[in-house]
Amino acid sequence: MLRLRVAAVPDKGKANAAVVSLLAKALDVPKSAIAVTSGETARLKTVRIAGDPGALVAALAKLG
């Protein structure tokens, strides 16, 4: 589980967009490679990240 916090308000998808933007920047992947798959209106979200699994695991390991 990865915990993150964004300052965007949960209004009209702004918080979801901020989560996608933050993850894209941290993992060095395009925003289009990240999708919120569940929890769009909840505090807890599940995301799908497309890309090379090895590179993603290494990038996630650097985060925490």
PDB file of N, CA and C in Angstrom:
ATOM      1  N   MET A   1       0.847  -1.157   0.000  1.00  0.00           N
ATOM      2  CA  MET A   1       0.000   0.000   0.000  1.00  0.00           C
ATOM      3  C   MET A   1       0.902   1.233   0.000  1.00  0.00           C
ATOM      4  N   LEU A   2       0.531   2.176  -0.807  1.00  0.00           N
ATOM      5  CA  LEU A   2       1.243   3.444  -0.896  1.00  0.00           C
ATOM      6  C   LEU A   2       0.307   4.534  -0.396  1.00  0.00           C
ATOM      7  N   ARG A   3       0.764   5.324   0.530  1.00  0.00           N
ATOM      8  CA  ARG A   3      -0.050   6.428   1.042  1.00  0.00           C
ATOM      9  C   ARG A   3       0.452   7.722   0.446  1.00  0.00           C
ATOM     10  N   LEU A   4      -0.486   8.555   0.019  1.00  0.00           N
ATOM     11  CA  LEU A   4      -0.124   9.872  -0.472  1.00  0.00           C
ATOM     12  C   LEU A   4      -1.228  10.842  -0.140  1.00  0.00           C
ATOM     13  N   ARG A   5      -0.875  12.094  -0.128  1.00  0.00           N
ATOM     14  CA  ARG A   5      -1.839  13.129   0.218  1.00  0.00           C
ATOM     15  C   ARG A   5      -1.703  14.256  -0.795  1.00  0.00           C
ATOM     16  N   VAL A   6      -2.848  14.722  -1.266  1.00  0.00           N
ATOM     17  CA  VAL A   6      -2.869  15.842  -2.211  1.00  0.00           C
ATOM     18  C   VAL A   6      -3.691  16.974  -1.608  1.00  0.00           C
ATOM     19  N   ALA A   7      -3.404  18.179  -2.023  1.00  0.00           N
ATOM     20  CA  ALA A   7      -4.103  19.352  -1.498  1.00  0.00           C
ATOM     21  C   ALA A   7      -5.378  19.668  -2.272  1.00  0.00           C
ATOM     22  N   ALA A   8      -5.578  19.025  -3.389  1.00  0.00           N
ATOM     23  CA  ALA A   8      -6.750  19.309  -4.227  1.00  0.00           C
ATOM     24  C   ALA A   8      -8.036  18.889  -3.515  1.00  0.00           C
ATOM     25  N   VAL A   9      -9.064  19.671  -3.719  1.00  0.00           N
ATOM     26  CA  VAL A   9     -10.360  19.361  -3.121  1.00  0.00           C
ATOM     27  C   VAL A   9     -11.044  18.238  -3.902  1.00  0.00           C
ATOM     28  N   PRO A  10     -11.826  17.417  -3.201  1.00  0.00           N
ATOM     29  CA  PRO A  10     -12.521  16.318  -3.891  1.00  0.00           C
ATOM     30  C   PRO A  10     -13.775  16.825  -4.599  1.00  0.00           C
ATOM     31  N   ASP A  11     -13.587  17.658  -5.601  1.00  0.00           N
ATOM     32  CA  ASP A  11     -14.699  18.267  -6.324  1.00  0.00           C
ATOM     33  C   ASP A  11     -14.506  18.046  -7.812  1.00  0.00           C
ATOM     34  N   LYS A  12     -15.449  17.386  -8.430  1.00  0.00           N
ATOM     35  CA  LYS A  12     -15.445  17.150  -9.884  1.00  0.00           C
ATOM     36  C   LYS A  12     -14.160  16.468 -10.362  1.00  0.00           C
ATOM     37  N   GLY A  13     -13.638  15.548  -9.554  1.00  0.00           N
ATOM     38  CA  GLY A  13     -12.465  14.783  -9.970  1.00  0.00           C
ATOM     39  C   GLY A  13     -11.126  15.471  -9.805  1.00  0.00           C
ATOM     40  N   LYS A  14     -11.096  16.629  -9.157  1.00  0.00           N
ATOM     41  CA  LYS A  14      -9.830  17.353  -9.000  1.00  0.00           C
ATOM     42  C   LYS A  14      -8.830  16.575  -8.151  1.00  0.00           C
ATOM     43  N   ALA A  15      -9.305  15.941  -7.088  1.00  0.00           N
ATOM     44  CA  ALA A  15      -8.405  15.158  -6.242  1.00  0.00           C
ATOM     45  C   ALA A  15      -7.873  13.939  -7.000  1.00  0.00           C
ATOM     46  N   ASN A  16      -8.721  13.281  -7.764  1.00  0.00           N
ATOM     47  CA  ASN A  16      -8.275  12.135  -8.562  1.00  0.00           C
ATOM     48  C   ASN A  16      -7.222  12.566  -9.580  1.00  0.00           C
ATOM     49  N   ALA A  17      -7.443  13.693 -10.220  1.00  0.00           N
ATOM     50  CA  ALA A  17      -6.472  14.203 -11.192  1.00  0.00           C
ATOM     51  C   ALA A  17      -5.154  14.531 -10.502  1.00  0.00           C
ATOM     52  N   ALA A  18      -5.218  15.053  -9.293  1.00  0.00           N
ATOM     53  CA  ALA A  18      -3.997  15.372  -8.554  1.00  0.00           C
ATOM     54  C   ALA A  18      -3.239  14.101  -8.178  1.00  0.00           C
ATOM     55  N   VAL A  19      -3.967  13.060  -7.816  1.00  0.00           N
ATOM     56  CA  VAL A  19      -3.339  11.774  -7.496  1.00  0.00           C
ATOM     57  C   VAL A  19      -2.633  11.213  -8.725  1.00  0.00           C
ATOM     58  N   VAL A  20      -3.307  11.247  -9.853  1.00  0.00           N
ATOM     59  CA  VAL A  20      -2.719  10.738 -11.103  1.00  0.00           C
ATOM     60  C   VAL A  20      -1.484  11.554 -11.463  1.00  0.00           C
ATOM     61  N   SER A  21      -1.569  12.853 -11.355  1.00  0.00           N
ATOM     62  CA  SER A  21      -0.439  13.722 -11.684  1.00  0.00           C
ATOM     63  C   SER A  21       0.754  13.457 -10.764  1.00  0.00           C
ATOM     64  N   LEU A  22       0.503  13.328  -9.480  1.00  0.00           N
ATOM     65  CA  LEU A  22       1.572  13.077  -8.515  1.00  0.00           C
ATOM     66  C   LEU A  22       2.252  11.743  -8.776  1.00  0.00           C
ATOM     67  N   LEU A  23       1.457  10.703  -9.001  1.00  0.00           N
ATOM     68  CA  LEU A  23       2.041   9.391  -9.281  1.00  0.00           C
ATOM     69  C   LEU A  23       2.820   9.384 -10.591  1.00  0.00           C
ATOM     70  N   ALA A  24       2.281  10.036 -11.612  1.00  0.00           N
ATOM     71  CA  ALA A  24       2.966  10.083 -12.908  1.00  0.00           C
ATOM     72  C   ALA A  24       4.336  10.741 -12.775  1.00  0.00           C
ATOM     73  N   LYS A  25       4.383  11.812 -12.039  1.00  0.00           N
ATOM     74  CA  LYS A  25       5.656  12.518 -11.857  1.00  0.00           C
ATOM     75  C   LYS A  25       6.630  11.675 -11.029  1.00  0.00           C
ATOM     76  N   ALA A  26       6.143  11.078  -9.946  1.00  0.00           N
ATOM     77  CA  ALA A  26       7.007  10.295  -9.062  1.00  0.00           C
ATOM     78  C   ALA A  26       7.542   9.033  -9.729  1.00  0.00           C
ATOM     79  N   LEU A  27       6.730   8.420 -10.597  1.00  0.00           N
ATOM     80  CA  LEU A  27       7.133   7.164 -11.242  1.00  0.00           C
ATOM     81  C   LEU A  27       7.690   7.365 -12.637  1.00  0.00           C
ATOM     82  N   ASP A  28       7.704   8.599 -13.100  1.00  0.00           N
ATOM     83  CA  ASP A  28       8.218   8.943 -14.426  1.00  0.00           C
ATOM     84  C   ASP A  28       7.495   8.168 -15.537  1.00  0.00           C
ATOM     85  N   VAL A  29       6.166   8.223 -15.457  1.00  0.00           N
ATOM     86  CA  VAL A  29       5.321   7.623 -16.492  1.00  0.00           C
ATOM     87  C   VAL A  29       4.336   8.693 -16.948  1.00  0.00           C
ATOM     88  N   PRO A  30       3.781   8.556 -18.148  1.00  0.00           N
ATOM     89  CA  PRO A  30       2.779   9.536 -18.590  1.00  0.00           C
ATOM     90  C   PRO A  30       1.487   9.400 -17.776  1.00  0.00           C
ATOM     91  N   LYS A  31       0.768  10.490 -17.653  1.00  0.00           N
ATOM     92  CA  LYS A  31      -0.505  10.471 -16.924  1.00  0.00           C
ATOM     93  C   LYS A  31      -1.477   9.467 -17.529  1.00  0.00           C
ATOM     94  N   SER A  32      -1.379   9.278 -18.839  1.00  0.00           N
ATOM     95  CA  SER A  32      -2.287   8.345 -19.514  1.00  0.00           C
ATOM     96  C   SER A  32      -2.030   6.892 -19.115  1.00  0.00           C
ATOM     97  N   ALA A  33      -0.893   6.614 -18.476  1.00  0.00           N
ATOM     98  CA  ALA A  33      -0.575   5.260 -18.038  1.00  0.00           C
ATOM     99  C   ALA A  33      -1.198   4.936 -16.685  1.00  0.00           C
ATOM    100  N   ILE A  34      -1.831   5.922 -16.043  1.00  0.00           N
ATOM    101  CA  ILE A  34      -2.387   5.734 -14.708  1.00  0.00           C
ATOM    102  C   ILE A  34      -3.893   5.935 -14.757  1.00  0.00           C
ATOM    103  N   ALA A  35      -4.623   5.017 -14.140  1.00  0.00           N
ATOM    104  CA  ALA A  35      -6.086   5.111 -14.090  1.00  0.00           C
ATOM    105  C   ALA A  35      -6.568   4.736 -12.701  1.00  0.00           C
ATOM    106  N   VAL A  36      -7.517   5.496 -12.186  1.00  0.00           N
ATOM    107  CA  VAL A  36      -8.163   5.150 -10.922  1.00  0.00           C
ATOM    108  C   VAL A  36      -9.202   4.074 -11.261  1.00  0.00           C
ATOM    109  N   THR A  37      -9.001   2.866 -10.742  1.00  0.00           N
ATOM    110  CA  THR A  37      -9.893   1.760 -11.084  1.00  0.00           C
ATOM    111  C   THR A  37     -11.024   1.577 -10.088  1.00  0.00           C
ATOM    112  N   SER A  38     -10.836   2.029  -8.858  1.00  0.00           N
ATOM    113  CA  SER A  38     -11.919   2.006  -7.880  1.00  0.00           C
ATOM    114  C   SER A  38     -11.663   3.061  -6.830  1.00  0.00           C
ATOM    115  N   GLY A  39     -12.738   3.502  -6.216  1.00  0.00           N
ATOM    116  CA  GLY A  39     -12.629   4.514  -5.180  1.00  0.00           C
ATOM    117  C   GLY A  39     -12.614   5.939  -5.698  1.00  0.00           C
ATOM    118  N   GLU A  40     -13.221   6.164  -6.846  1.00  0.00           N
ATOM    119  CA  GLU A  40     -13.195   7.507  -7.427  1.00  0.00           C
ATOM    120  C   GLU A  40     -13.800   8.557  -6.508  1.00  0.00           C
ATOM    121  N   THR A  41     -14.780   8.172  -5.700  1.00  0.00           N
ATOM    122  CA  THR A  41     -15.405   9.133  -4.797  1.00  0.00           C
ATOM    123  C   THR A  41     -15.049   8.857  -3.342  1.00  0.00           C
ATOM    124  N   ALA A  42     -14.100   7.969  -3.094  1.00  0.00           N
ATOM    125  CA  ALA A  42     -13.703   7.604  -1.736  1.00  0.00           C
ATOM    126  C   ALA A  42     -12.290   8.090  -1.443  1.00  0.00           C
ATOM    127  N   ARG A  43     -11.941   8.077  -0.173  1.00  0.00           N
ATOM    128  CA  ARG A  43     -10.585   8.472   0.215  1.00  0.00           C
ATOM    129  C   ARG A  43      -9.567   7.422  -0.196  1.00  0.00           C
ATOM    130  N   LEU A  44      -9.945   6.146  -0.113  1.00  0.00           N
ATOM    131  CA  LEU A  44      -9.053   5.064  -0.506  1.00  0.00           C
ATOM    132  C   LEU A  44      -9.302   4.737  -1.969  1.00  0.00           C
ATOM    133  N   LYS A  45      -8.231   4.697  -2.737  1.00  0.00           N
ATOM    134  CA  LYS A  45      -8.343   4.480  -4.178  1.00  0.00           C
ATOM    135  C   LYS A  45      -7.468   3.307  -4.606  1.00  0.00           C
ATOM    136  N   THR A  46      -7.862   2.678  -5.668  1.00  0.00           N
ATOM    137  CA  THR A  46      -7.046   1.663  -6.312  1.00  0.00           C
ATOM    138  C   THR A  46      -6.711   2.197  -7.692  1.00  0.00           C
ATOM    139  N   VAL A  47      -5.428   2.137  -8.038  1.00  0.00           N
ATOM    140  CA  VAL A  47      -5.005   2.645  -9.346  1.00  0.00           C
ATOM    141  C   VAL A  47      -4.331   1.536 -10.133  1.00  0.00           C
ATOM    142  N   ARG A  48      -4.404   1.656 -11.443  1.00  0.00           N
ATOM    143  CA  ARG A  48      -3.710   0.741 -12.354  1.00  0.00           C
ATOM    144  C   ARG A  48      -2.658   1.579 -13.073  1.00  0.00           C
ATOM    145  N   ILE A  49      -1.435   1.054 -13.088  1.00  0.00           N
ATOM    146  CA  ILE A  49      -0.334   1.757 -13.731  1.00  0.00           C
ATOM    147  C   ILE A  49       0.227   0.865 -14.822  1.00  0.00           C
ATOM    148  N   ALA A  50       0.181   1.348 -16.047  1.00  0.00           N
ATOM    149  CA  ALA A  50       0.706   0.585 -17.177  1.00  0.00           C
ATOM    150  C   ALA A  50       2.189   0.884 -17.336  1.00  0.00           C
ATOM    151  N   GLY A  51       2.949  -0.121 -17.700  1.00  0.00           N
ATOM    152  CA  GLY A  51       4.373   0.080 -17.933  1.00  0.00           C
ATOM    153  C   GLY A  51       5.153  -1.173 -17.612  1.00  0.00           C
ATOM    154  N   ASP A  52       6.463  -1.045 -17.653  1.00  0.00           N
ATOM    155  CA  ASP A  52       7.361  -2.157 -17.356  1.00  0.00           C
ATOM    156  C   ASP A  52       7.291  -2.470 -15.859  1.00  0.00           C
ATOM    157  N   PRO A  53       6.845  -3.682 -15.502  1.00  0.00           N
ATOM    158  CA  PRO A  53       6.684  -4.004 -14.079  1.00  0.00           C
ATOM    159  C   PRO A  53       7.972  -3.850 -13.267  1.00  0.00           C
ATOM    160  N   GLY A  54       9.084  -4.243 -13.813  1.00  0.00           N
ATOM    161  CA  GLY A  54      10.355  -4.127 -13.097  1.00  0.00           C
ATOM    162  C   GLY A  54      10.719  -2.686 -12.801  1.00  0.00           C
ATOM    163  N   ALA A  55      10.528  -1.824 -13.782  1.00  0.00           N
ATOM    164  CA  ALA A  55      10.837  -0.411 -13.599  1.00  0.00           C
ATOM    165  C   ALA A  55       9.879   0.234 -12.604  1.00  0.00           C
ATOM    166  N   LEU A  56       8.610  -0.165 -12.658  1.00  0.00           N
ATOM    167  CA  LEU A  56       7.628   0.390 -11.718  1.00  0.00           C
ATOM    168  C   LEU A  56       7.926  -0.038 -10.297  1.00  0.00           C
ATOM    169  N   VAL A  57       8.295  -1.303 -10.094  1.00  0.00           N
ATOM    170  CA  VAL A  57       8.632  -1.787  -8.755  1.00  0.00           C
ATOM    171  C   VAL A  57       9.833  -1.039  -8.221  1.00  0.00           C
ATOM    172  N   ALA A  58      10.838  -0.820  -9.058  1.00  0.00           N
ATOM    173  CA  ALA A  58      12.037  -0.101  -8.637  1.00  0.00           C
ATOM    174  C   ALA A  58      11.691   1.355  -8.276  1.00  0.00           C
ATOM    175  N   ALA A  59      10.849   1.992  -9.072  1.00  0.00           N
ATOM    176  CA  ALA A  59      10.460   3.375  -8.790  1.00  0.00           C
ATOM    177  C   ALA A  59       9.639   3.461  -7.511  1.00  0.00           C
ATOM    178  N   LEU A  60       8.753   2.496  -7.285  1.00  0.00           N
ATOM    179  CA  LEU A  60       7.961   2.476  -6.055  1.00  0.00           C
ATOM    180  C   LEU A  60       8.841   2.230  -4.834  1.00  0.00           C
ATOM    181  N   ALA A  61       9.848   1.397  -4.984  1.00  0.00           N
ATOM    182  CA  ALA A  61      10.750   1.112  -3.876  1.00  0.00           C
ATOM    183  C   ALA A  61      11.504   2.372  -3.452  1.00  0.00           C
ATOM    184  N   LYS A  62      11.827   3.222  -4.397  1.00  0.00           N
ATOM    185  CA  LYS A  62      12.524   4.473  -4.083  1.00  0.00           C
ATOM    186  C   LYS A  62      11.635   5.437  -3.304  1.00  0.00           C
ATOM    187  N   LEU A  63      10.309   5.318  -3.486  1.00  0.00           N
ATOM    188  CA  LEU A  63       9.381   6.229  -2.823  1.00  0.00           C
ATOM    189  C   LEU A  63       9.217   5.925  -1.339  1.00  0.00           C
ATOM    190  N   GLY A  64       9.374   4.716  -0.962  1.00  0.00           N
ATOM    191  CA  GLY A  64       9.118   4.436   0.443  1.00  0.00           C
ATOM    192  C   GLY A  64       9.660   3.185   0.866  1.00  0.00           C
TER     193      GLY A  64
END
